[in-house]
């Protein structure tokens, strides 16, 4: 199984949870245009802003890990930023999505603990039985199938996971 470090991001956890990447495609469906317009108007909502900040923080963490790691203090500071932005997403999430983001935040916390304990080595995620088992939980897989479409619809954010 290919475990992506960017799964630290709440939105990108979805890509790992479903086991593959992908992207959304344009549609000839007129309702898609309405959804895109709605997403554009919601993109500045506290929830969408929090998701974007979380994705940005996760990208910094992924870059550090993929470049061979960083001093423990620097890695820890970036991990703390990811944790903080995870909580901001949970706090700003619409009521109907909050439980899903709480679940993903728990997975991200586990992921960060593993990375910090292993000097930011992304391969450590694949060696963690607890982490790989969590990725296979049916509830997490369902979240991974449900949330990418919600992020696209509500915020215009393509998480890289199939809808």
Protein backbone atom coordinates (compact mmCIF):
# COMPACT_ATOMS: atom_id res chain seq x y z
CA UNK A 1 0.00 0.00 0.00
CA UNK A 2 1.32 3.41 -0.91
CA UNK A 3 1.06 5.70 2.08
CA UNK A 4 1.22 9.36 1.23
CA UNK A 5 2.75 11.71 3.76
CA UNK A 6 0.37 14.41 2.70
CA UNK A 7 -2.28 12.39 4.46
CA UNK A 8 -1.31 14.48 7.47
CA UNK A 9 -3.71 16.98 6.02
CA UNK A 10 -7.26 16.32 6.97
CA UNK A 11 -8.37 16.74 3.42
CA UNK A 12 -5.64 14.56 2.01
CA UNK A 13 -6.10 11.81 4.55
CA UNK A 14 -8.98 10.98 2.28
CA UNK A 15 -6.66 9.99 -0.54
CA UNK A 16 -4.86 7.47 1.65
CA UNK A 17 -8.08 6.23 3.20
CA UNK A 18 -9.48 5.30 -0.17
CA UNK A 19 -6.24 3.72 -1.27
CA UNK A 20 -5.73 5.72 -4.45
CA UNK A 21 -5.39 9.20 -5.84
CA UNK A 22 -7.37 10.86 -8.56
CA UNK A 23 -9.07 14.04 -9.42
CA UNK A 24 -12.44 15.33 -10.26
CA UNK A 25 -13.37 16.08 -13.83
CA UNK A 26 -15.60 18.68 -15.36
CA UNK A 27 -19.17 17.73 -16.08
CA UNK A 28 -21.76 18.68 -18.67
CA UNK A 29 -24.33 18.64 -15.87
CA UNK A 30 -25.74 22.16 -15.36
CA UNK A 31 -25.96 21.51 -11.62
CA UNK A 32 -22.17 21.23 -11.62
CA UNK A 33 -21.97 24.89 -12.67
CA UNK A 34 -24.31 25.85 -9.83
CA UNK A 35 -22.22 23.83 -7.37
CA UNK A 36 -19.04 25.50 -8.64
CA UNK A 37 -20.61 28.94 -8.21
CA UNK A 38 -21.75 28.01 -4.71
CA UNK A 39 -18.29 26.67 -3.84
CA UNK A 40 -16.70 29.88 -5.07
CA UNK A 41 -18.98 31.91 -2.81
CA UNK A 42 -18.26 29.64 0.19
CA UNK A 43 -14.48 29.55 -0.41
CA UNK A 44 -14.01 32.42 2.05
CA UNK A 45 -16.02 30.76 4.82
CA UNK A 46 -14.17 30.00 8.07
CA UNK A 47 -14.40 26.28 7.28
CA UNK A 48 -12.91 26.60 3.80
CA UNK A 49 -10.19 28.97 5.00
CA UNK A 50 -9.30 26.49 7.77
CA UNK A 51 -9.14 23.57 5.31
CA UNK A 52 -6.84 25.56 3.02
CA UNK A 53 -4.58 26.55 5.93
CA UNK A 54 -4.45 22.92 7.01
CA UNK A 55 -3.51 21.79 3.52
CA UNK A 56 -0.77 24.43 3.37
CA UNK A 57 0.63 23.36 6.76
CA UNK A 58 0.56 19.73 5.73
CA UNK A 59 2.42 20.54 2.52
CA UNK A 60 5.23 22.16 4.53
CA UNK A 61 5.42 19.03 6.69
CA UNK A 62 5.45 16.76 3.63
CA UNK A 63 8.22 18.80 2.03
CA UNK A 64 10.34 18.54 5.19
CA UNK A 65 9.87 14.80 5.44
CA UNK A 66 10.46 14.14 1.76
CA UNK A 67 13.65 16.20 1.79
CA UNK A 68 15.17 13.88 4.35
CA UNK A 69 13.73 15.33 7.49
CA UNK A 70 14.58 18.37 9.56
CA UNK A 71 15.99 19.08 12.98
CA UNK A 72 13.61 17.73 15.62
CA UNK A 73 12.66 21.21 16.84
CA UNK A 74 11.81 22.46 13.35
CA UNK A 75 9.86 19.30 12.53
CA UNK A 76 8.04 19.57 15.86
CA UNK A 77 7.09 23.19 15.20
CA UNK A 78 5.65 22.30 11.80
CA UNK A 79 3.82 19.29 13.30
CA UNK A 80 2.34 21.59 15.95
CA UNK A 81 1.09 23.90 13.20
CA UNK A 82 -0.56 20.94 11.48
CA UNK A 83 -2.19 19.91 14.78
CA UNK A 84 -3.44 23.46 15.35
CA UNK A 85 -4.87 23.74 11.85
CA UNK A 86 -6.47 20.30 12.22
CA UNK A 87 -8.31 21.59 15.27
CA UNK A 88 -9.31 24.76 13.43
CA UNK A 89 -10.88 22.62 10.70
CA UNK A 90 -12.76 20.55 13.27
CA UNK A 91 -13.97 23.69 15.03
CA UNK A 92 -15.12 25.36 11.82
CA UNK A 93 -16.59 22.25 10.19
CA UNK A 94 -20.30 22.32 9.42
CA UNK A 95 -22.29 20.26 11.90
CA UNK A 96 -22.96 17.51 9.36
CA UNK A 97 -19.21 17.06 8.72
CA UNK A 98 -17.74 17.65 12.17
CA UNK A 99 -17.67 13.99 13.30
CA UNK A 100 -15.85 13.00 10.11
CA UNK A 101 -13.21 15.67 10.66
CA UNK A 102 -12.83 14.65 14.31
CA UNK A 103 -12.11 11.09 13.13
CA UNK A 104 -9.58 12.36 10.59
CA UNK A 105 -7.95 14.59 13.18
CA UNK A 106 -7.41 11.54 15.40
CA UNK A 107 -5.75 9.73 12.52
CA UNK A 108 -3.60 12.77 11.75
CA UNK A 109 -2.51 12.94 15.41
CA UNK A 110 -1.41 9.31 15.25
CA UNK A 111 0.41 10.00 12.00
CA UNK A 112 2.23 12.98 13.49
CA UNK A 113 3.23 10.98 16.58
CA UNK A 114 4.73 8.27 14.38
CA UNK A 115 6.58 10.78 12.22
CA UNK A 116 7.95 12.68 15.22
CA UNK A 117 9.13 9.46 16.88
CA UNK A 118 10.95 8.50 13.69
CA UNK A 119 12.64 11.75 12.74
CA UNK A 120 10.05 12.60 10.11
CA UNK A 121 10.71 9.42 8.13
CA UNK A 122 7.61 8.90 5.93
CA UNK A 123 8.43 5.18 5.60
CA UNK A 124 7.70 4.85 9.33
CA UNK A 125 4.00 5.19 8.55
CA UNK A 126 4.07 2.00 6.50
CA UNK A 127 5.88 0.21 9.32
CA UNK A 128 3.23 1.15 11.88
CA UNK A 129 0.74 -1.66 12.23
CA UNK A 130 -1.63 0.56 14.19
CA UNK A 131 -1.60 3.23 11.48
CA UNK A 132 -2.03 0.86 8.55
CA UNK A 133 -4.88 -0.91 10.36
CA UNK A 134 -6.62 2.42 10.98
CA UNK A 135 -6.44 3.22 7.28
CA UNK A 136 -8.38 0.02 6.58
CA UNK A 137 -11.23 0.73 9.01
CA UNK A 138 -14.58 0.77 7.16
CA UNK A 139 -15.64 4.04 8.81
CA UNK A 140 -12.47 5.77 7.61
CA UNK A 141 -12.89 4.38 4.11
CA UNK A 142 -16.47 5.70 4.05
CA UNK A 143 -15.23 9.12 5.12
CA UNK A 144 -12.66 8.95 2.36
CA UNK A 145 -15.39 8.32 -0.17
CA UNK A 146 -17.73 11.00 1.15
CA UNK A 147 -15.62 14.03 2.02
CA UNK A 148 -13.77 14.82 -1.22
CA UNK A 149 -17.05 15.66 -2.92
CA UNK A 150 -18.07 17.77 0.07
CA UNK A 151 -14.81 19.73 -0.04
CA UNK A 152 -15.19 20.26 -3.77
CA UNK A 153 -18.83 21.27 -3.46
CA UNK A 154 -18.54 23.51 -0.42
CA UNK A 155 -15.11 25.05 -0.93
CA UNK A 156 -14.02 24.34 -4.48
CA UNK A 157 -11.11 22.34 -3.03
CA UNK A 158 -9.92 19.25 -4.88
CA UNK A 159 -8.36 17.04 -2.22
CA UNK A 160 -6.89 14.69 -4.80
CA UNK A 161 -9.15 11.83 -3.73
CA UNK A 162 -11.89 10.36 -5.91
CA UNK A 163 -15.45 11.51 -5.33
